[in-house]
Amino acid sequence: MEKLSEYFSIVEEVTAEGPEGDKFLIDALCQCRDTGWYIGLEIKRSHLYKSEFSKAMRQAIHYRLSRINDKRVPELEAQQLPTVALFPDWMGKHDEDDVSYAQEAEGMRLVGAQIRVSTFRENNLGNLVLIGGQGAIWYSETGWTGNAKGWLFGKRGFASTRRKDFGKTS
């Protein structure tokens, strides 16, 4: 959170409601200081394994499909977030070094990307990268990539939210 606060204004524990009336508490809502774009953030402990990552991904998907109803962010009332980012990303690590679930991790990220769930990871230089599917959409050192706006806000209907996907985009 400390690293992100350099680039984003952050509101913690934001309330939202799912399509079936479920109540959610999103760990953080982050507004980019440069563009004003909002993203949700689901934070887990410092390392994840297969079952934990799949549960966290499912949770982020539920958050992405929900609608914001937190009075602290009235401009997002009844809006869906363009993405909910999961941190940390899971690269397929197993507690036994000779076992790798890298392909399973990639598959989960790709499924999540269909619903605009992304992942944050720290690269080997200590910089943050927001990954949408297979490609980066934001770097802490350079900002949003050229394809970020399309990935976040481009028309992409899905499930019961097809006609009500997004409201304002900035």
C-alpha atoms as a PDB file:
ATOM      1  CA  MET A   1       0.000   0.000   0.000  1.00  0.00           C
ATOM      2  CA  GLU A   2       2.846   2.322   0.818  1.00  0.00           C
ATOM      3  CA  LYS A   3       4.386   1.907  -2.645  1.00  0.00           C
ATOM      4  CA  LEU A   4       1.009   2.367  -4.355  1.00  0.00           C
ATOM      5  CA  SER A   5       0.197   5.538  -2.407  1.00  0.00           C
ATOM      6  CA  GLU A   6       2.920   7.324  -4.351  1.00  0.00           C
ATOM      7  CA  TYR A   7       0.848   6.882  -7.540  1.00  0.00           C
ATOM      8  CA  PHE A   8      -2.715   6.380  -6.287  1.00  0.00           C
ATOM      9  CA  SER A   9      -5.071   7.967  -3.756  1.00  0.00           C
ATOM     10  CA  ILE A  10      -6.335   5.076  -1.655  1.00  0.00           C
ATOM     11  CA  VAL A  11      -9.605   4.495   0.192  1.00  0.00           C
ATOM     12  CA  GLU A  12      -9.489   1.336   2.303  1.00  0.00           C
ATOM     13  CA  GLU A  13     -12.307  -1.148   2.981  1.00  0.00           C
ATOM     14  CA  VAL A  14     -14.816   0.003   0.372  1.00  0.00           C
ATOM     15  CA  THR A  15     -18.315  -1.493   0.466  1.00  0.00           C
ATOM     16  CA  ALA A  16     -19.943  -3.011  -2.601  1.00  0.00           C
ATOM     17  CA  GLU A  17     -22.956  -5.168  -3.437  1.00  0.00           C
ATOM     18  CA  GLY A  18     -22.951  -8.203  -5.705  1.00  0.00           C
ATOM     19  CA  PRO A  19     -25.555  -8.941  -8.402  1.00  0.00           C
ATOM     20  CA  GLU A  20     -27.389 -11.282  -6.005  1.00  0.00           C
ATOM     21  CA  GLY A  21     -27.339  -8.869  -3.077  1.00  0.00           C
ATOM     22  CA  ASP A  22     -24.152 -10.187  -1.462  1.00  0.00           C
ATOM     23  CA  LYS A  23     -22.286  -7.581   0.599  1.00  0.00           C
ATOM     24  CA  PHE A  24     -18.559  -7.176  -0.049  1.00  0.00           C
ATOM     25  CA  LEU A  25     -15.715  -5.257   1.527  1.00  0.00           C
ATOM     26  CA  ILE A  26     -13.046  -4.514  -1.080  1.00  0.00           C
ATOM     27  CA  ASP A  27      -9.639  -4.079   0.568  1.00  0.00           C
ATOM     28  CA  ALA A  28      -8.882  -0.819  -1.239  1.00  0.00           C
ATOM     29  CA  LEU A  29     -10.055   1.496  -3.964  1.00  0.00           C
ATOM     30  CA  CYS A  30      -7.173   3.209  -5.740  1.00  0.00           C
ATOM     31  CA  GLN A  31      -7.527   6.329  -7.884  1.00  0.00           C
ATOM     32  CA  CYS A  32      -4.609   7.109 -10.194  1.00  0.00           C
ATOM     33  CA  ARG A  33      -3.202  10.553  -9.427  1.00  0.00           C
ATOM     34  CA  ASP A  34      -2.439  11.175 -13.136  1.00  0.00           C
ATOM     35  CA  THR A  35      -5.572   9.923 -14.917  1.00  0.00           C
ATOM     36  CA  GLY A  36      -8.250   9.710 -12.215  1.00  0.00           C
ATOM     37  CA  TRP A  37      -8.947   6.080 -13.172  1.00  0.00           C
ATOM     38  CA  TYR A  38     -10.108   3.817 -10.330  1.00  0.00           C
ATOM     39  CA  ILE A  39      -9.154   0.225  -9.655  1.00  0.00           C
ATOM     40  CA  GLY A  40     -10.057  -2.140  -6.839  1.00  0.00           C
ATOM     41  CA  LEU A  41      -7.403  -3.955  -4.876  1.00  0.00           C
ATOM     42  CA  GLU A  42      -7.578  -7.293  -3.077  1.00  0.00           C
ATOM     43  CA  ILE A  43      -4.532  -7.838  -0.857  1.00  0.00           C
ATOM     44  CA  LYS A  44      -3.386 -11.197   0.465  1.00  0.00           C
ATOM     45  CA  ARG A  45      -0.404 -12.230   2.548  1.00  0.00           C
ATOM     46  CA  SER A  46       3.067 -11.985   1.077  1.00  0.00           C
ATOM     47  CA  HIS A  47       2.985 -15.315  -0.759  1.00  0.00           C
ATOM     48  CA  LEU A  48       0.254 -17.532  -2.142  1.00  0.00           C
ATOM     49  CA  TYR A  49      -0.044 -21.116  -3.260  1.00  0.00           C
ATOM     50  CA  LYS A  50      -2.433 -22.779  -5.715  1.00  0.00           C
ATOM     51  CA  SER A  51      -5.592 -23.123  -3.589  1.00  0.00           C
ATOM     52  CA  GLU A  52      -5.101 -19.726  -1.953  1.00  0.00           C
ATOM     53  CA  PHE A  53      -4.580 -18.011  -5.306  1.00  0.00           C
ATOM     54  CA  SER A  54      -7.668 -19.628  -6.839  1.00  0.00           C
ATOM     55  CA  LYS A  55      -9.781 -18.517  -3.845  1.00  0.00           C
ATOM     56  CA  ALA A  56      -8.348 -14.998  -4.032  1.00  0.00           C
ATOM     57  CA  MET A  57      -8.996 -14.874  -7.792  1.00  0.00           C
ATOM     58  CA  ARG A  58     -12.615 -15.961  -7.240  1.00  0.00           C
ATOM     59  CA  GLN A  59     -12.993 -13.276  -4.572  1.00  0.00           C
ATOM     60  CA  ALA A  60     -11.598 -10.613  -6.934  1.00  0.00           C
ATOM     61  CA  ILE A  61     -14.026 -11.772  -9.659  1.00  0.00           C
ATOM     62  CA  HIS A  62     -16.955 -11.310  -7.251  1.00  0.00           C
ATOM     63  CA  TYR A  63     -15.689  -7.844  -6.381  1.00  0.00           C
ATOM     64  CA  ARG A  64     -15.294  -6.940 -10.059  1.00  0.00           C
ATOM     65  CA  LEU A  65     -18.914  -7.911 -10.780  1.00  0.00           C
ATOM     66  CA  SER A  66     -20.237  -5.970  -7.774  1.00  0.00           C
ATOM     67  CA  ARG A  67     -21.384  -2.353  -7.619  1.00  0.00           C
ATOM     68  CA  ILE A  68     -19.826   0.232  -5.312  1.00  0.00           C
ATOM     69  CA  ASN A  69     -22.161   1.563  -2.597  1.00  0.00           C
ATOM     70  CA  ASP A  70     -19.681   3.337  -0.313  1.00  0.00           C
ATOM     71  CA  LYS A  71     -20.656   6.926   0.607  1.00  0.00           C
ATOM     72  CA  ARG A  72     -16.973   7.941   0.734  1.00  0.00           C
ATOM     73  CA  VAL A  73     -16.793   7.646  -3.066  1.00  0.00           C
ATOM     74  CA  PRO A  74     -20.125   9.077  -4.273  1.00  0.00           C
ATOM     75  CA  GLU A  75     -18.818   9.493  -7.834  1.00  0.00           C
ATOM     76  CA  LEU A  76     -18.690   5.696  -8.087  1.00  0.00           C
ATOM     77  CA  GLU A  77     -22.120   5.011  -6.586  1.00  0.00           C
ATOM     78  CA  ALA A  78     -23.584   1.908  -8.341  1.00  0.00           C
ATOM     79  CA  GLN A  79     -20.562   1.626 -10.674  1.00  0.00           C
ATOM     80  CA  GLN A  80     -18.419  -1.411 -11.310  1.00  0.00           C
ATOM     81  CA  LEU A  81     -14.678  -0.998 -11.074  1.00  0.00           C
ATOM     82  CA  PRO A  82     -12.826  -1.311 -14.391  1.00  0.00           C
ATOM     83  CA  THR A  83     -10.571  -3.912 -12.765  1.00  0.00           C
ATOM     84  CA  VAL A  84      -9.903  -5.478  -9.404  1.00  0.00           C
ATOM     85  CA  ALA A  85      -6.220  -6.229  -8.962  1.00  0.00           C
ATOM     86  CA  LEU A  86      -5.026  -9.095  -6.815  1.00  0.00           C
ATOM     87  CA  PHE A  87      -1.777  -8.693  -4.889  1.00  0.00           C
ATOM     88  CA  PRO A  88       0.488 -10.541  -4.775  1.00  0.00           C
ATOM     89  CA  ASP A  89       0.474 -12.358  -8.073  1.00  0.00           C
ATOM     90  CA  TRP A  90       1.228 -16.078  -7.952  1.00  0.00           C
ATOM     91  CA  MET A  91       3.850 -17.396 -10.322  1.00  0.00           C
ATOM     92  CA  GLY A  92       3.158 -21.084  -9.680  1.00  0.00           C
ATOM     93  CA  LYS A  93       5.452 -21.502  -6.692  1.00  0.00           C
ATOM     94  CA  HIS A  94       4.992 -24.596  -4.574  1.00  0.00           C
ATOM     95  CA  ASP A  95       6.379 -25.200  -1.118  1.00  0.00           C
ATOM     96  CA  GLU A  96       8.554 -27.905  -2.666  1.00  0.00           C
ATOM     97  CA  ASP A  97      11.028 -26.300  -5.077  1.00  0.00           C
ATOM     98  CA  ASP A  98      10.824 -29.073  -7.673  1.00  0.00           C
ATOM     99  CA  VAL A  99       7.048 -28.603  -8.187  1.00  0.00           C
ATOM    100  CA  SER A 100       5.774 -25.725 -10.322  1.00  0.00           C
ATOM    101  CA  TYR A 101       2.233 -24.739 -11.193  1.00  0.00           C
ATOM    102  CA  ALA A 102       3.260 -21.937 -13.555  1.00  0.00           C
ATOM    103  CA  GLN A 103       0.858 -23.075 -16.293  1.00  0.00           C
ATOM    104  CA  GLU A 104      -2.045 -23.288 -13.848  1.00  0.00           C
ATOM    105  CA  ALA A 105      -1.211 -19.809 -12.542  1.00  0.00           C
ATOM    106  CA  GLU A 106      -1.159 -18.429 -16.089  1.00  0.00           C
ATOM    107  CA  GLY A 107      -4.491 -20.108 -16.840  1.00  0.00           C
ATOM    108  CA  MET A 108      -6.111 -18.580 -13.754  1.00  0.00           C
ATOM    109  CA  ARG A 109      -4.809 -15.126 -14.725  1.00  0.00           C
ATOM    110  CA  LEU A 110      -6.197 -15.536 -18.253  1.00  0.00           C
ATOM    111  CA  VAL A 111      -9.630 -16.599 -16.983  1.00  0.00           C
ATOM    112  CA  GLY A 112      -9.641 -13.667 -14.560  1.00  0.00           C
ATOM    113  CA  ALA A 113      -8.668 -11.301 -17.378  1.00  0.00           C
ATOM    114  CA  GLN A 114     -11.879 -12.193 -19.229  1.00  0.00           C
ATOM    115  CA  ILE A 115     -13.716 -10.481 -16.378  1.00  0.00           C
ATOM    116  CA  ARG A 116     -11.053  -7.777 -16.057  1.00  0.00           C
ATOM    117  CA  VAL A 117      -9.407  -9.116 -12.945  1.00  0.00           C
ATOM    118  CA  SER A 118      -5.728  -8.225 -12.927  1.00  0.00           C
ATOM    119  CA  THR A 119      -2.733  -8.916 -10.723  1.00  0.00           C
ATOM    120  CA  PHE A 120      -0.046  -6.719  -9.208  1.00  0.00           C
ATOM    121  CA  ARG A 121       3.466  -8.012  -8.965  1.00  0.00           C
ATOM    122  CA  GLU A 122       6.810  -6.610  -8.025  1.00  0.00           C
ATOM    123  CA  ASN A 123       9.517  -7.020 -10.651  1.00  0.00           C
ATOM    124  CA  ASN A 124      13.149  -7.820  -9.824  1.00  0.00           C
ATOM    125  CA  LEU A 125      13.947  -4.079  -9.631  1.00  0.00           C
ATOM    126  CA  GLY A 126      11.327  -3.599  -6.912  1.00  0.00           C
ATOM    127  CA  ASN A 127       8.908  -1.748  -9.210  1.00  0.00           C
ATOM    128  CA  LEU A 128       5.192  -2.545  -9.312  1.00  0.00           C
ATOM    129  CA  VAL A 129       3.551  -3.882 -12.461  1.00  0.00           C
ATOM    130  CA  LEU A 130      -0.198  -4.292 -13.048  1.00  0.00           C
ATOM    131  CA  ILE A 131      -0.820  -7.297 -15.299  1.00  0.00           C
ATOM    132  CA  GLY A 132      -4.040  -7.701 -17.271  1.00  0.00           C
ATOM    133  CA  GLY A 133      -4.070 -11.253 -18.601  1.00  0.00           C
ATOM    134  CA  GLN A 134      -0.656 -11.698 -20.190  1.00  0.00           C
ATOM    135  CA  GLY A 135       0.349  -8.084 -20.700  1.00  0.00           C
ATOM    136  CA  ALA A 136       1.276  -5.236 -18.426  1.00  0.00           C
ATOM    137  CA  ILE A 137      -1.189  -2.345 -18.274  1.00  0.00           C
ATOM    138  CA  TRP A 138       0.629  -0.163 -15.724  1.00  0.00           C
ATOM    139  CA  TYR A 139       4.215   0.216 -14.496  1.00  0.00           C
ATOM    140  CA  SER A 140       5.153   2.198 -11.408  1.00  0.00           C
ATOM    141  CA  GLU A 141       8.126   3.720 -13.232  1.00  0.00           C
ATOM    142  CA  THR A 142       6.318   4.787 -16.450  1.00  0.00           C
ATOM    143  CA  GLY A 143       2.553   4.728 -15.770  1.00  0.00           C
ATOM    144  CA  TRP A 144      -0.236   3.317 -17.955  1.00  0.00           C
ATOM    145  CA  THR A 145       0.672   1.449 -21.121  1.00  0.00           C
ATOM    146  CA  GLY A 146      -0.780   2.240 -24.547  1.00  0.00           C
ATOM    147  CA  ASN A 147      -3.307  -0.603 -24.333  1.00  0.00           C
ATOM    148  CA  ALA A 148      -4.455   0.151 -20.760  1.00  0.00           C
ATOM    149  CA  LYS A 149      -7.498   2.263 -21.621  1.00  0.00           C
ATOM    150  CA  GLY A 150      -8.834  -0.348 -24.049  1.00  0.00           C
ATOM    151  CA  TRP A 151      -8.198  -3.177 -21.596  1.00  0.00           C
ATOM    152  CA  LEU A 152      -9.876  -1.324 -18.736  1.00  0.00           C
ATOM    153  CA  PHE A 153     -12.721   0.476 -20.473  1.00  0.00           C
ATOM    154  CA  GLY A 154     -13.226  -1.080 -23.906  1.00  0.00           C
ATOM    155  CA  LYS A 155     -16.594  -2.631 -24.640  1.00  0.00           C
ATOM    156  CA  ARG A 156     -16.671  -6.236 -23.558  1.00  0.00           C
ATOM    157  CA  GLY A 157     -20.024  -7.661 -22.560  1.00  0.00           C
ATOM    158  CA  PHE A 158     -20.279 -10.559 -20.176  1.00  0.00           C
ATOM    159  CA  ALA A 159     -22.855 -12.361 -18.063  1.00  0.00           C
ATOM    160  CA  SER A 160     -25.693 -10.386 -16.516  1.00  0.00           C
ATOM    161  CA  THR A 161     -23.847  -7.059 -16.651  1.00  0.00           C
ATOM    162  CA  ARG A 162     -23.734  -6.883 -20.452  1.00  0.00           C
ATOM    163  CA  ARG A 163     -25.807  -3.689 -20.772  1.00  0.00           C
ATOM    164  CA  LYS A 164     -24.605  -2.020 -17.588  1.00  0.00           C
ATOM    165  CA  ASP A 165     -20.878  -2.720 -17.694  1.00  0.00           C
ATOM    166  CA  PHE A 166     -19.504   0.750 -16.950  1.00  0.00           C
ATOM    167  CA  GLY A 167     -20.585   4.281 -16.369  1.00  0.00           C
ATOM    168  CA  LYS A 168     -18.044   7.090 -16.474  1.00  0.00           C
ATOM    169  CA  THR A 169     -14.518   6.151 -17.500  1.00  0.00           C
ATOM    170  CA  SER A 170     -12.589   8.978 -15.915  1.00  0.00           C
END
